[in-house]
Amino acid sequence: MIGWATCWDGCDDAAHRAVADFLVSRGARHHIFSAIAMNFAEEVRRIVAVDPSALNRRQSRNENHRTPLHFAVLKNRQEMIALLLELGADPLAVDGPGQPVAVYASAPETDRRVMEKIGAMVSAELASAVRGHRPSRGGPMDLMALLALGDWDTATQLLRENPGLIDSSGGALHVMAQRNDIAAVKWLLTCGANINGRWSSGGAEVSPLHLAASRGHAEMVRLLLAPAPIRLSATACTTATRSAGPSISNSPRSFRFSRITRRTCDDGLSGREQVRSRARPFISCSRVCSL
């Protein structure tokens, strides 16, 4: 019963809080979702101390079997997000349909603490790969976390060794468009992500434009509909160029990534400019991307 007074949209007001207080006065007990909704840190601590599995409890199928961390991000409860991570919530947990926490963020800063946690895990994996003299391993969520944190250099390194991370099936471009992360979307498009690719979300096959429009992100919609040069990111271009180094033409791995960047940047150039840019790779890249 207490969930009906606390967890729905529009319940964060004095009237609903009074109902919740009345129910508690008559013997009701908070569960982890109602405690998160009410921003009751001590109650969340008590619940997890009594039953640590509460961190992995799921809402009903009507709420897509969300975890407490998904719910805290959905409600933009910053204190609760930090507390749940401190208590051991899994930042890589997915809901019933398989969606990560990032999908529930309405803005880039909403789940920054979650992204920082994932970013630390990615850094540990990259360090392990160096020690083990092996390629790094990562998933689309790892790349999304780095982009959300603005860690362009590490994102470039991860993508170079795992080029499939920007495939539409991984949803990186879609999630960042839904989160209204302009810088991340520009970076992904510059690196060759398919702007019209489809990704499964909410039982439908959707494009990044669908998701941006569904959240009312007008600036993101304008970006996705803009001509190619305007969509490009100077950060991604310069990062890719710097990471490739001076021996780009002699390094197959470096060339593979850099060729994608140059091809995308050339999309908005005239025929003469394209010939010039191919003869002098990356000279025109920063100029085009700065539009």
C-alpha atoms as a PDB file:
ATOM      1  CA  MET A   1       0.000   0.000   0.000  1.00  0.00           C
ATOM      2  CA  ILE A   2       2.762   2.468   0.860  1.00  0.00           C
ATOM      3  CA  GLY A   3       4.169   2.139  -2.646  1.00  0.00           C
ATOM      4  CA  TRP A   4       0.962   3.571  -4.100  1.00  0.00           C
ATOM      5  CA  ALA A   5       1.447   6.696  -1.995  1.00  0.00           C
ATOM      6  CA  THR A   6       5.143   7.194  -2.832  1.00  0.00           C
ATOM      7  CA  CYS A   7       6.360   5.597  -6.058  1.00  0.00           C
ATOM      8  CA  TRP A   8       4.098   6.924  -8.805  1.00  0.00           C
ATOM      9  CA  ASP A   9       4.798  10.061 -10.819  1.00  0.00           C
ATOM     10  CA  GLY A  10       3.399  13.071  -8.999  1.00  0.00           C
ATOM     11  CA  CYS A  11       3.712  11.531  -5.541  1.00  0.00           C
ATOM     12  CA  ASP A  12       6.546  13.793  -4.435  1.00  0.00           C
ATOM     13  CA  ASP A  13       4.377  16.385  -2.730  1.00  0.00           C
ATOM     14  CA  ALA A  14       3.141  17.223   0.761  1.00  0.00           C
ATOM     15  CA  ALA A  15      -0.194  15.446   0.357  1.00  0.00           C
ATOM     16  CA  HIS A  16       1.306  12.102  -0.610  1.00  0.00           C
ATOM     17  CA  ARG A  17       3.995  12.386   2.045  1.00  0.00           C
ATOM     18  CA  ALA A  18       1.255  12.944   4.631  1.00  0.00           C
ATOM     19  CA  VAL A  19      -0.488   9.771   3.422  1.00  0.00           C
ATOM     20  CA  ALA A  20       2.778   7.824   3.686  1.00  0.00           C
ATOM     21  CA  ASP A  21       3.399   9.159   7.205  1.00  0.00           C
ATOM     22  CA  PHE A  22      -0.142   8.178   8.198  1.00  0.00           C
ATOM     23  CA  LEU A  23       0.331   4.643   6.881  1.00  0.00           C
ATOM     24  CA  VAL A  24       3.607   4.300   8.798  1.00  0.00           C
ATOM     25  CA  SER A  25       1.868   5.560  11.963  1.00  0.00           C
ATOM     26  CA  ARG A  26      -0.642   2.719  11.535  1.00  0.00           C
ATOM     27  CA  GLY A  27       2.030   0.044  11.209  1.00  0.00           C
ATOM     28  CA  ALA A  28       3.052   0.108   7.549  1.00  0.00           C
ATOM     29  CA  ARG A  29       6.730  -0.471   6.779  1.00  0.00           C
ATOM     30  CA  HIS A  30       8.719   1.053   3.967  1.00  0.00           C
ATOM     31  CA  HIS A  31      10.163  -1.225   1.312  1.00  0.00           C
ATOM     32  CA  ILE A  32      13.297  -0.189  -0.556  1.00  0.00           C
ATOM     33  CA  PHE A  33      11.439   1.515  -3.419  1.00  0.00           C
ATOM     34  CA  SER A  34       9.230   3.646  -1.179  1.00  0.00           C
ATOM     35  CA  ALA A  35      12.254   4.583   0.949  1.00  0.00           C
ATOM     36  CA  ILE A  36      14.114   5.670  -2.205  1.00  0.00           C
ATOM     37  CA  ALA A  37      11.117   7.662  -3.408  1.00  0.00           C
ATOM     38  CA  MET A  38      10.924   9.440  -0.035  1.00  0.00           C
ATOM     39  CA  ASN A  39      14.701  10.007   0.025  1.00  0.00           C
ATOM     40  CA  PHE A  40      14.965   8.228   3.394  1.00  0.00           C
ATOM     41  CA  ALA A  41      18.650   7.313   3.557  1.00  0.00           C
ATOM     42  CA  GLU A  42      18.573   5.746   7.008  1.00  0.00           C
ATOM     43  CA  GLU A  43      15.571   3.626   6.086  1.00  0.00           C
ATOM     44  CA  VAL A  44      17.365   2.363   2.975  1.00  0.00           C
ATOM     45  CA  ARG A  45      20.384   1.474   5.109  1.00  0.00           C
ATOM     46  CA  ARG A  46      18.180  -0.363   7.588  1.00  0.00           C
ATOM     47  CA  ILE A  47      16.411  -2.344   4.861  1.00  0.00           C
ATOM     48  CA  VAL A  48      19.686  -3.424   3.212  1.00  0.00           C
ATOM     49  CA  ALA A  49      21.283  -4.265   6.566  1.00  0.00           C
ATOM     50  CA  VAL A  50      18.382  -6.589   7.388  1.00  0.00           C
ATOM     51  CA  ASP A  51      18.184  -8.055   3.881  1.00  0.00           C
ATOM     52  CA  PRO A  52      21.120  -7.373   1.500  1.00  0.00           C
ATOM     53  CA  SER A  53      19.171  -8.940  -1.370  1.00  0.00           C
ATOM     54  CA  ALA A  54      16.932  -5.867  -1.308  1.00  0.00           C
ATOM     55  CA  LEU A  55      19.524  -4.212  -3.553  1.00  0.00           C
ATOM     56  CA  ASN A  56      18.521  -6.684  -6.275  1.00  0.00           C
ATOM     57  CA  ARG A  57      14.771  -6.609  -5.649  1.00  0.00           C
ATOM     58  CA  ARG A  58      12.648  -6.027  -8.728  1.00  0.00           C
ATOM     59  CA  GLN A  59       9.541  -3.996  -9.357  1.00  0.00           C
ATOM     60  CA  SER A  60       6.625  -5.649 -11.139  1.00  0.00           C
ATOM     61  CA  ARG A  61       6.479  -6.395 -14.847  1.00  0.00           C
ATOM     62  CA  ASN A  62       4.420  -3.222 -15.256  1.00  0.00           C
ATOM     63  CA  GLU A  63       7.573  -1.310 -14.274  1.00  0.00           C
ATOM     64  CA  ASN A  64       9.835  -3.521 -16.419  1.00  0.00           C
ATOM     65  CA  HIS A  65      11.261  -5.309 -13.372  1.00  0.00           C
ATOM     66  CA  ARG A  66      13.455  -2.324 -12.499  1.00  0.00           C
ATOM     67  CA  THR A  67      16.086  -2.609  -9.773  1.00  0.00           C
ATOM     68  CA  PRO A  68      16.329  -0.037  -6.956  1.00  0.00           C
ATOM     69  CA  LEU A  69      19.199   1.648  -8.815  1.00  0.00           C
ATOM     70  CA  HIS A  70      17.112   1.953 -11.992  1.00  0.00           C
ATOM     71  CA  PHE A  71      14.320   3.448  -9.892  1.00  0.00           C
ATOM     72  CA  ALA A  72      16.621   5.948  -8.160  1.00  0.00           C
ATOM     73  CA  VAL A  73      17.945   7.144 -11.538  1.00  0.00           C
ATOM     74  CA  LEU A  74      14.417   7.379 -12.926  1.00  0.00           C
ATOM     75  CA  LYS A  75      13.415   9.549  -9.946  1.00  0.00           C
ATOM     76  CA  ASN A  76      16.688  11.529 -10.132  1.00  0.00           C
ATOM     77  CA  ARG A  77      17.417  10.841  -6.451  1.00  0.00           C
ATOM     78  CA  GLN A  78      21.102  11.754  -6.372  1.00  0.00           C
ATOM     79  CA  GLU A  79      21.600  10.946  -2.696  1.00  0.00           C
ATOM     80  CA  MET A  80      19.918   7.579  -3.170  1.00  0.00           C
ATOM     81  CA  ILE A  81      22.029   6.746  -6.229  1.00  0.00           C
ATOM     82  CA  ALA A  82      25.211   7.409  -4.261  1.00  0.00           C
ATOM     83  CA  LEU A  83      23.937   5.431  -1.288  1.00  0.00           C
ATOM     84  CA  LEU A  84      22.869   2.397  -3.325  1.00  0.00           C
ATOM     85  CA  LEU A  85      26.282   2.252  -5.018  1.00  0.00           C
ATOM     86  CA  GLU A  86      27.971   2.578  -1.629  1.00  0.00           C
ATOM     87  CA  LEU A  87      25.904  -0.331  -0.328  1.00  0.00           C
ATOM     88  CA  GLY A  88      26.898  -2.516  -3.275  1.00  0.00           C
ATOM     89  CA  ALA A  89      24.306  -2.036  -6.022  1.00  0.00           C
ATOM     90  CA  ASP A  90      25.485  -3.306  -9.404  1.00  0.00           C
ATOM     91  CA  PRO A  91      26.038  -0.347 -11.784  1.00  0.00           C
ATOM     92  CA  LEU A  92      25.802  -2.735 -14.749  1.00  0.00           C
ATOM     93  CA  ALA A  93      22.442  -4.236 -13.718  1.00  0.00           C
ATOM     94  CA  VAL A  94      19.734  -4.420 -16.378  1.00  0.00           C
ATOM     95  CA  ASP A  95      15.964  -4.380 -16.058  1.00  0.00           C
ATOM     96  CA  GLY A  96      13.603  -7.093 -17.313  1.00  0.00           C
ATOM     97  CA  PRO A  97      13.900  -6.166 -21.014  1.00  0.00           C
ATOM     98  CA  GLY A  98      17.684  -5.923 -20.638  1.00  0.00           C
ATOM     99  CA  GLN A  99      18.026  -2.137 -20.462  1.00  0.00           C
ATOM    100  CA  PRO A 100      20.866  -0.620 -18.403  1.00  0.00           C
ATOM    101  CA  VAL A 101      20.494   2.091 -15.795  1.00  0.00           C
ATOM    102  CA  ALA A 102      21.632   4.697 -18.348  1.00  0.00           C
ATOM    103  CA  VAL A 103      18.352   4.358 -20.249  1.00  0.00           C
ATOM    104  CA  TYR A 104      16.472   5.826 -17.289  1.00  0.00           C
ATOM    105  CA  ALA A 105      18.554   9.012 -17.099  1.00  0.00           C
ATOM    106  CA  SER A 106      16.782  12.070 -18.492  1.00  0.00           C
ATOM    107  CA  ALA A 107      19.973  14.166 -18.706  1.00  0.00           C
ATOM    108  CA  PRO A 108      23.736  13.490 -18.867  1.00  0.00           C
ATOM    109  CA  GLU A 109      24.333  14.382 -15.199  1.00  0.00           C
ATOM    110  CA  THR A 110      21.495  12.312 -13.741  1.00  0.00           C
ATOM    111  CA  ASP A 111      23.466   9.098 -13.326  1.00  0.00           C
ATOM    112  CA  ARG A 112      27.005  10.479 -13.276  1.00  0.00           C
ATOM    113  CA  ARG A 113      27.874   8.494 -10.143  1.00  0.00           C
ATOM    114  CA  VAL A 114      26.862   5.286 -11.902  1.00  0.00           C
ATOM    115  CA  MET A 115      28.978   6.205 -14.904  1.00  0.00           C
ATOM    116  CA  GLU A 116      31.951   6.991 -12.669  1.00  0.00           C
ATOM    117  CA  LYS A 117      31.649   3.530 -11.135  1.00  0.00           C
ATOM    118  CA  ILE A 118      31.587   1.884 -14.558  1.00  0.00           C
ATOM    119  CA  GLY A 119      34.407   4.138 -15.758  1.00  0.00           C
ATOM    120  CA  ALA A 120      36.600   2.907 -12.907  1.00  0.00           C
ATOM    121  CA  MET A 121      35.866  -0.677 -13.950  1.00  0.00           C
ATOM    122  CA  VAL A 122      36.818   0.117 -17.546  1.00  0.00           C
ATOM    123  CA  SER A 123      40.092   1.692 -16.404  1.00  0.00           C
ATOM    124  CA  ALA A 124      40.884  -1.447 -14.427  1.00  0.00           C
ATOM    125  CA  GLU A 125      40.192  -3.610 -17.494  1.00  0.00           C
ATOM    126  CA  LEU A 126      42.433  -1.481 -19.702  1.00  0.00           C
ATOM    127  CA  ALA A 127      45.236  -1.663 -17.160  1.00  0.00           C
ATOM    128  CA  SER A 128      44.801  -5.438 -16.946  1.00  0.00           C
ATOM    129  CA  ALA A 129      44.964  -5.696 -20.747  1.00  0.00           C
ATOM    130  CA  VAL A 130      48.268  -3.815 -20.791  1.00  0.00           C
ATOM    131  CA  ARG A 131      49.740  -6.038 -18.067  1.00  0.00           C
ATOM    132  CA  GLY A 132      48.540  -9.172 -19.839  1.00  0.00           C
ATOM    133  CA  HIS A 133      49.698  -8.033 -23.289  1.00  0.00           C
ATOM    134  CA  ARG A 134      46.220  -8.598 -24.718  1.00  0.00           C
ATOM    135  CA  PRO A 135      43.530  -6.499 -26.403  1.00  0.00           C
ATOM    136  CA  SER A 136      41.094  -4.875 -24.018  1.00  0.00           C
ATOM    137  CA  ARG A 137      37.548  -6.180 -23.729  1.00  0.00           C
ATOM    138  CA  GLY A 138      34.523  -3.965 -23.329  1.00  0.00           C
ATOM    139  CA  GLY A 139      30.825  -3.668 -24.029  1.00  0.00           C
ATOM    140  CA  PRO A 140      28.616  -0.840 -25.286  1.00  0.00           C
ATOM    141  CA  MET A 141      27.846   0.225 -21.708  1.00  0.00           C
ATOM    142  CA  ASP A 142      31.553   0.660 -21.029  1.00  0.00           C
ATOM    143  CA  LEU A 143      31.833   2.990 -24.013  1.00  0.00           C
ATOM    144  CA  MET A 144      28.702   4.884 -22.960  1.00  0.00           C
ATOM    145  CA  ALA A 145      30.140   5.461 -19.499  1.00  0.00           C
ATOM    146  CA  LEU A 146      33.362   6.905 -20.901  1.00  0.00           C
ATOM    147  CA  LEU A 147      31.412   9.182 -23.221  1.00  0.00           C
ATOM    148  CA  ALA A 148      29.121  10.315 -20.427  1.00  0.00           C
ATOM    149  CA  LEU A 149      32.215  11.253 -18.421  1.00  0.00           C
ATOM    150  CA  GLY A 150      33.790  13.063 -21.369  1.00  0.00           C
ATOM    151  CA  ASP A 151      36.807  10.737 -21.320  1.00  0.00           C
ATOM    152  CA  TRP A 152      37.401  10.936 -25.057  1.00  0.00           C
ATOM    153  CA  ASP A 153      40.929   9.522 -25.039  1.00  0.00           C
ATOM    154  CA  THR A 154      39.981   6.359 -23.185  1.00  0.00           C
ATOM    155  CA  ALA A 155      36.847   5.991 -25.310  1.00  0.00           C
ATOM    156  CA  THR A 156      39.003   6.179 -28.433  1.00  0.00           C
ATOM    157  CA  GLN A 157      41.340   3.515 -27.075  1.00  0.00           C
ATOM    158  CA  LEU A 158      38.440   1.213 -26.209  1.00  0.00           C
ATOM    159  CA  LEU A 159      36.746   1.699 -29.571  1.00  0.00           C
ATOM    160  CA  ARG A 160      39.964   1.132 -31.517  1.00  0.00           C
ATOM    161  CA  GLU A 161      40.332  -2.297 -29.939  1.00  0.00           C
ATOM    162  CA  ASN A 162      36.591  -3.061 -30.001  1.00  0.00           C
ATOM    163  CA  PRO A 163      35.222  -1.399 -33.173  1.00  0.00           C
ATOM    164  CA  GLY A 164      31.868  -3.174 -32.906  1.00  0.00           C
ATOM    165  CA  LEU A 165      30.922  -1.103 -29.855  1.00  0.00           C
ATOM    166  CA  ILE A 166      29.259   1.538 -32.022  1.00  0.00           C
ATOM    167  CA  ASP A 167      27.115  -0.956 -33.947  1.00  0.00           C
ATOM    168  CA  SER A 168      23.405  -0.187 -33.752  1.00  0.00           C
ATOM    169  CA  SER A 169      22.759  -3.480 -31.977  1.00  0.00           C
ATOM    170  CA  GLY A 170      24.644  -2.145 -28.936  1.00  0.00           C
ATOM    171  CA  GLY A 171      22.516   0.978 -28.696  1.00  0.00           C
ATOM    172  CA  ALA A 172      25.290   3.410 -27.765  1.00  0.00           C
ATOM    173  CA  LEU A 173      24.114   6.173 -30.112  1.00  0.00           C
ATOM    174  CA  HIS A 174      20.489   5.544 -29.215  1.00  0.00           C
ATOM    175  CA  VAL A 175      21.036   5.769 -25.471  1.00  0.00           C
ATOM    176  CA  MET A 176      23.144   8.906 -25.706  1.00  0.00           C
ATOM    177  CA  ALA A 177      20.507  10.543 -27.931  1.00  0.00           C
ATOM    178  CA  GLN A 178      17.797   9.597 -25.446  1.00  0.00           C
ATOM    179  CA  ARG A 179      19.891  11.097 -22.623  1.00  0.00           C
ATOM    180  CA  ASN A 180      20.325  14.340 -24.592  1.00  0.00           C
ATOM    181  CA  ASP A 181      24.117  14.066 -24.502  1.00  0.00           C
ATOM    182  CA  ILE A 182      25.023  16.301 -27.451  1.00  0.00           C
ATOM    183  CA  ALA A 183      28.810  15.901 -27.151  1.00  0.00           C
ATOM    184  CA  ALA A 184      28.618  12.105 -26.976  1.00  0.00           C
ATOM    185  CA  VAL A 185      26.277  11.874 -29.959  1.00  0.00           C
ATOM    186  CA  LYS A 186      28.571  14.080 -32.062  1.00  0.00           C
ATOM    187  CA  TRP A 187      31.528  11.910 -31.072  1.00  0.00           C
ATOM    188  CA  LEU A 188      29.736   8.697 -32.033  1.00  0.00           C
ATOM    189  CA  LEU A 189      28.563  10.064 -35.367  1.00  0.00           C
ATOM    190  CA  THR A 190      32.054  11.276 -36.192  1.00  0.00           C
ATOM    191  CA  CYS A 191      33.399   7.813 -35.438  1.00  0.00           C
ATOM    192  CA  GLY A 192      30.974   6.199 -37.863  1.00  0.00           C
ATOM    193  CA  ALA A 193      27.893   5.225 -35.832  1.00  0.00           C
ATOM    194  CA  ASN A 194      24.821   4.665 -38.017  1.00  0.00           C
ATOM    195  CA  ILE A 195      22.487   7.612 -37.497  1.00  0.00           C
ATOM    196  CA  ASN A 196      19.522   5.651 -38.880  1.00  0.00           C
ATOM    197  CA  GLY A 197      20.345   2.326 -37.231  1.00  0.00           C
ATOM    198  CA  ARG A 198      17.575   0.528 -35.340  1.00  0.00           C
ATOM    199  CA  TRP A 199      17.791  -0.704 -31.763  1.00  0.00           C
ATOM    200  CA  SER A 200      15.276  -2.652 -29.708  1.00  0.00           C
ATOM    201  CA  SER A 201      13.732  -0.509 -26.965  1.00  0.00           C
ATOM    202  CA  GLY A 202      10.355  -0.764 -25.289  1.00  0.00           C
ATOM    203  CA  GLY A 203       9.262  -3.567 -27.578  1.00  0.00           C
ATOM    204  CA  ALA A 204       9.951  -1.556 -30.754  1.00  0.00           C
ATOM    205  CA  GLU A 205      12.807  -1.154 -33.215  1.00  0.00           C
ATOM    206  CA  VAL A 206      13.702   2.524 -32.932  1.00  0.00           C
ATOM    207  CA  SER A 207      16.220   5.010 -34.297  1.00  0.00           C
ATOM    208  CA  PRO A 208      18.135   7.623 -32.276  1.00  0.00           C
ATOM    209  CA  LEU A 209      15.718  10.227 -33.645  1.00  0.00           C
ATOM    210  CA  HIS A 210      12.713   8.312 -32.293  1.00  0.00           C
ATOM    211  CA  LEU A 211      14.204   8.267 -28.796  1.00  0.00           C
ATOM    212  CA  ALA A 212      15.281  11.906 -28.785  1.00  0.00           C
ATOM    213  CA  ALA A 213      11.840  13.012 -29.956  1.00  0.00           C
ATOM    214  CA  SER A 214      10.051  10.805 -27.425  1.00  0.00           C
ATOM    215  CA  ARG A 215      11.903  12.583 -24.602  1.00  0.00           C
ATOM    216  CA  GLY A 216      11.234  16.034 -26.026  1.00  0.00           C
ATOM    217  CA  HIS A 217      14.914  16.812 -26.622  1.00  0.00           C
ATOM    218  CA  ALA A 218      14.498  19.528 -29.253  1.00  0.00           C
ATOM    219  CA  GLU A 219      18.204  20.358 -29.564  1.00  0.00           C
ATOM    220  CA  MET A 220      19.069  16.691 -30.055  1.00  0.00           C
ATOM    221  CA  VAL A 221      16.383  16.324 -32.701  1.00  0.00           C
ATOM    222  CA  ARG A 222      17.780  19.336 -34.573  1.00  0.00           C
ATOM    223  CA  LEU A 223      21.268  17.840 -34.383  1.00  0.00           C
ATOM    224  CA  LEU A 224      20.161  14.466 -35.763  1.00  0.00           C
ATOM    225  CA  LEU A 225      18.307  16.172 -38.622  1.00  0.00           C
ATOM    226  CA  ALA A 226      21.182  18.556 -39.418  1.00  0.00           C
ATOM    227  CA  PRO A 227      23.541  18.202 -42.417  1.00  0.00           C
ATOM    228  CA  ALA A 228      26.504  15.910 -41.812  1.00  0.00           C
ATOM    229  CA  PRO A 229      29.229  18.550 -41.193  1.00  0.00           C
ATOM    230  CA  ILE A 230      27.254  20.187 -38.391  1.00  0.00           C
ATOM    231  CA  ARG A 231      26.874  16.835 -36.630  1.00  0.00           C
ATOM    232  CA  LEU A 232      30.600  16.188 -36.439  1.00  0.00           C
ATOM    233  CA  SER A 233      32.748  16.480 -33.327  1.00  0.00           C
ATOM    234  CA  ALA A 234      36.116  18.185 -33.270  1.00  0.00           C
ATOM    235  CA  THR A 235      36.922  16.260 -30.089  1.00  0.00           C
ATOM    236  CA  ALA A 236      36.494  12.875 -31.758  1.00  0.00           C
ATOM    237  CA  CYS A 237      38.472  13.891 -34.837  1.00  0.00           C
ATOM    238  CA  THR A 238      41.440  15.331 -32.983  1.00  0.00           C
ATOM    239  CA  THR A 239      41.437  12.492 -30.465  1.00  0.00           C
ATOM    240  CA  ALA A 240      41.521   9.880 -33.227  1.00  0.00           C
ATOM    241  CA  THR A 241      44.276  11.735 -35.051  1.00  0.00           C
ATOM    242  CA  ARG A 242      46.411  12.111 -31.938  1.00  0.00           C
ATOM    243  CA  SER A 243      45.962   8.478 -30.909  1.00  0.00           C
ATOM    244  CA  ALA A 244      46.947   7.236 -34.351  1.00  0.00           C
ATOM    245  CA  GLY A 245      50.258   9.096 -34.237  1.00  0.00           C
ATOM    246  CA  PRO A 246      52.609   9.934 -37.089  1.00  0.00           C
ATOM    247  CA  SER A 247      52.902   6.357 -38.347  1.00  0.00           C
ATOM    248  CA  ILE A 248      49.245   6.115 -39.330  1.00  0.00           C
ATOM    249  CA  SER A 249      49.903   4.896 -42.871  1.00  0.00           C
ATOM    250  CA  ASN A 250      52.080   2.070 -41.536  1.00  0.00           C
ATOM    251  CA  SER A 251      49.745   0.823 -38.834  1.00  0.00           C
ATOM    252  CA  PRO A 252      46.740  -1.268 -39.986  1.00  0.00           C
ATOM    253  CA  ARG A 253      45.006  -0.999 -36.615  1.00  0.00           C
ATOM    254  CA  SER A 254      45.393   2.774 -36.397  1.00  0.00           C
ATOM    255  CA  PHE A 255      44.425   3.248 -40.023  1.00  0.00           C
ATOM    256  CA  ARG A 256      41.220   1.271 -39.621  1.00  0.00           C
ATOM    257  CA  PHE A 257      39.899   3.663 -36.976  1.00  0.00           C
ATOM    258  CA  SER A 258      41.235   6.822 -38.589  1.00  0.00           C
ATOM    259  CA  ARG A 259      39.819   5.923 -41.986  1.00  0.00           C
ATOM    260  CA  ILE A 260      36.334   5.834 -40.441  1.00  0.00           C
ATOM    261  CA  THR A 261      36.872   9.291 -38.972  1.00  0.00           C
ATOM    262  CA  ARG A 262      38.132  10.799 -42.223  1.00  0.00           C
ATOM    263  CA  ARG A 263      35.319   9.252 -44.266  1.00  0.00           C
ATOM    264  CA  THR A 264      32.682  10.662 -41.945  1.00  0.00           C
ATOM    265  CA  CYS A 265      34.242  14.135 -41.943  1.00  0.00           C
ATOM    266  CA  ASP A 266      34.464  14.117 -45.741  1.00  0.00           C
ATOM    267  CA  ASP A 267      30.707  13.553 -46.086  1.00  0.00           C
ATOM    268  CA  GLY A 268      30.047  17.282 -45.872  1.00  0.00           C
ATOM    269  CA  LEU A 269      32.776  18.454 -48.282  1.00  0.00           C
ATOM    270  CA  SER A 270      32.558  19.355 -51.943  1.00  0.00           C
ATOM    271  CA  GLY A 271      34.181  17.082 -54.505  1.00  0.00           C
ATOM    272  CA  ARG A 272      37.325  19.227 -54.750  1.00  0.00           C
ATOM    273  CA  GLU A 273      37.625  19.479 -50.962  1.00  0.00           C
ATOM    274  CA  GLN A 274      37.223  15.699 -50.618  1.00  0.00           C
ATOM    275  CA  VAL A 275      40.093  15.092 -53.030  1.00  0.00           C
ATOM    276  CA  ARG A 276      42.233  17.576 -51.117  1.00  0.00           C
ATOM    277  CA  SER A 277      41.356  16.061 -47.726  1.00  0.00           C
ATOM    278  CA  ARG A 278      42.177  12.545 -48.910  1.00  0.00           C
ATOM    279  CA  ALA A 279      45.519  13.703 -50.204  1.00  0.00           C
ATOM    280  CA  ARG A 280      46.230  15.382 -46.854  1.00  0.00           C
ATOM    281  CA  PRO A 281      44.414  13.249 -44.244  1.00  0.00           C
ATOM    282  CA  PHE A 282      42.977  15.124 -41.246  1.00  0.00           C
ATOM    283  CA  ILE A 283      44.106  18.579 -42.432  1.00  0.00           C
ATOM    284  CA  SER A 284      40.501  19.564 -43.151  1.00  0.00           C
ATOM    285  CA  CYS A 285      38.984  17.452 -40.379  1.00  0.00           C
ATOM    286  CA  SER A 286      39.172  19.973 -37.560  1.00  0.00           C
ATOM    287  CA  ARG A 287      37.911  22.749 -39.835  1.00  0.00           C
ATOM    288  CA  VAL A 288      34.857  20.779 -40.915  1.00  0.00           C
ATOM    289  CA  CYS A 289      34.099  19.556 -37.410  1.00  0.00           C
ATOM    290  CA  SER A 290      34.229  23.040 -35.966  1.00  0.00           C
ATOM    291  CA  LEU A 291      31.166  24.142 -37.946  1.00  0.00           C
END
